[in-house]
């Protein structure tokens, strides 16, 4: 199966992006599943390096690093990054500046699309 997960919410303040990443991590461990993750709107901040969260609190940067270590492609909407002043150098390793064109391609590639 080929799955695309799209995150829209900020990394903290709601748990939608956290839950989307939890699903992504579970899918990434599933045999015969190809996964791609797209961050847009406030979710692009999920990929910002240097997140410092209290001990025992979830950390979305760390969760994203777990996905990129499994070679899950992570795209961050370039327009959304620009609107938030986020540069390419501030993205976690393995995440890249992306576009609506790539999101469209990924959507057509996927058997399942889940949006948070």
Protein backbone atom coordinates (compact mmCIF):
# COMPACT_ATOMS: atom_id res chain seq x y z
CA UNK A 1 0.00 0.00 0.00
CA UNK A 2 1.10 3.56 -0.70
CA UNK A 3 0.02 6.16 1.87
CA UNK A 4 0.29 9.94 2.04
CA UNK A 5 -0.22 11.77 5.31
CA UNK A 6 -0.81 15.52 5.22
CA UNK A 7 -0.35 17.59 8.38
CA UNK A 8 -1.80 21.10 8.71
CA UNK A 9 -1.70 21.98 12.43
CA UNK A 10 1.16 23.48 14.46
CA UNK A 11 3.53 21.15 16.30
CA UNK A 12 2.24 22.16 19.73
CA UNK A 13 -1.01 23.57 21.07
CA UNK A 14 -3.14 20.81 19.54
CA UNK A 15 -2.37 17.13 19.22
CA UNK A 16 -3.38 16.73 15.58
CA UNK A 17 0.16 16.81 14.16
CA UNK A 18 1.38 14.62 17.01
CA UNK A 19 -1.32 12.05 16.25
CA UNK A 20 -0.60 12.24 12.53
CA UNK A 21 3.06 11.51 13.23
CA UNK A 22 2.11 8.64 15.52
CA UNK A 23 0.14 7.12 12.63
CA UNK A 24 3.03 7.78 10.24
CA UNK A 25 5.47 6.04 12.58
CA UNK A 26 3.19 3.00 12.82
CA UNK A 27 2.73 2.86 9.05
CA UNK A 28 6.49 3.23 8.49
CA UNK A 29 6.99 0.01 10.47
CA UNK A 30 4.37 -1.87 8.45
CA UNK A 31 5.67 -4.33 5.89
CA UNK A 32 4.92 -3.52 2.24
CA UNK A 33 3.81 0.04 3.00
CA UNK A 34 5.35 3.02 1.23
CA UNK A 35 4.75 6.30 3.02
CA UNK A 36 5.17 10.00 2.27
CA UNK A 37 4.53 12.91 4.61
CA UNK A 38 3.59 16.45 3.57
CA UNK A 39 3.62 19.41 5.97
CA UNK A 40 1.61 22.51 5.14
CA UNK A 41 0.28 25.61 6.91
CA UNK A 42 1.49 25.72 10.54
CA UNK A 43 2.65 22.08 10.31
CA UNK A 44 5.83 23.17 8.49
CA UNK A 45 7.12 24.23 11.92
CA UNK A 46 7.02 20.54 12.94
CA UNK A 47 10.21 20.14 10.88
CA UNK A 48 12.11 22.99 12.55
CA UNK A 49 15.40 21.96 14.14
CA UNK A 50 16.20 22.81 17.74
CA UNK A 51 12.85 22.08 19.40
CA UNK A 52 13.24 22.02 23.16
CA UNK A 53 10.32 20.40 24.98
CA UNK A 54 10.00 19.57 28.68
CA UNK A 55 11.27 16.16 29.73
CA UNK A 56 8.59 13.54 29.22
CA UNK A 57 6.76 15.68 26.62
CA UNK A 58 6.55 14.59 23.01
CA UNK A 59 8.95 16.23 20.56
CA UNK A 60 7.88 16.39 16.92
CA UNK A 61 11.39 17.09 15.65
CA UNK A 62 12.53 13.81 17.20
CA UNK A 63 9.51 11.99 15.74
CA UNK A 64 10.26 13.37 12.26
CA UNK A 65 13.89 12.30 12.56
CA UNK A 66 12.63 8.77 13.24
CA UNK A 67 10.66 8.86 9.99
CA UNK A 68 13.46 10.32 7.89
CA UNK A 69 15.83 7.69 9.32
CA UNK A 70 13.45 5.16 7.74
CA UNK A 71 13.78 7.09 4.47
CA UNK A 72 10.21 8.39 4.53
CA UNK A 73 10.08 11.42 2.20
CA UNK A 74 9.01 14.55 4.08
CA UNK A 75 7.99 17.61 2.10
CA UNK A 76 7.29 21.02 3.61
CA UNK A 77 5.21 23.52 1.63
CA UNK A 78 7.61 26.21 0.46
CA UNK A 79 4.96 28.94 0.40
CA UNK A 80 3.95 28.05 3.97
CA UNK A 81 7.61 28.05 5.05
CA UNK A 82 8.12 31.50 3.56
CA UNK A 83 5.04 32.90 5.28
CA UNK A 84 6.46 31.71 8.61
CA UNK A 85 10.04 32.84 7.97
CA UNK A 86 11.32 29.26 7.96
CA UNK A 87 14.42 28.63 5.83
CA UNK A 88 15.63 25.41 4.20
CA UNK A 89 18.57 25.32 6.62
CA UNK A 90 16.15 25.19 9.57
CA UNK A 91 14.52 21.94 8.43
CA UNK A 92 15.44 18.61 10.00
CA UNK A 93 17.72 16.43 7.90
CA UNK A 94 15.67 14.46 5.41
CA UNK A 95 12.89 17.05 5.07
CA UNK A 96 12.85 19.29 2.01
CA UNK A 97 11.16 22.44 0.73
CA UNK A 98 8.32 21.22 -1.43
CA UNK A 99 5.44 22.58 -3.49
CA UNK A 100 1.81 22.09 -4.38
CA UNK A 101 3.03 20.44 -7.58
CA UNK A 102 4.82 17.76 -5.56
CA UNK A 103 1.81 17.39 -3.25
CA UNK A 104 -0.37 16.81 -6.33
CA UNK A 105 2.08 14.18 -7.62
CA UNK A 106 2.20 12.47 -4.22
CA UNK A 107 -1.61 12.51 -4.01
CA UNK A 108 -1.91 10.77 -7.37
CA UNK A 109 0.78 8.26 -6.31
CA UNK A 110 -1.00 7.32 -3.07
CA UNK A 111 -3.60 4.61 -2.57
CA UNK A 112 -4.68 6.31 0.68
CA UNK A 113 -4.48 9.97 1.73
CA UNK A 114 -5.01 10.94 5.36
CA UNK A 115 -5.12 14.56 6.47
CA UNK A 116 -4.68 15.89 10.00
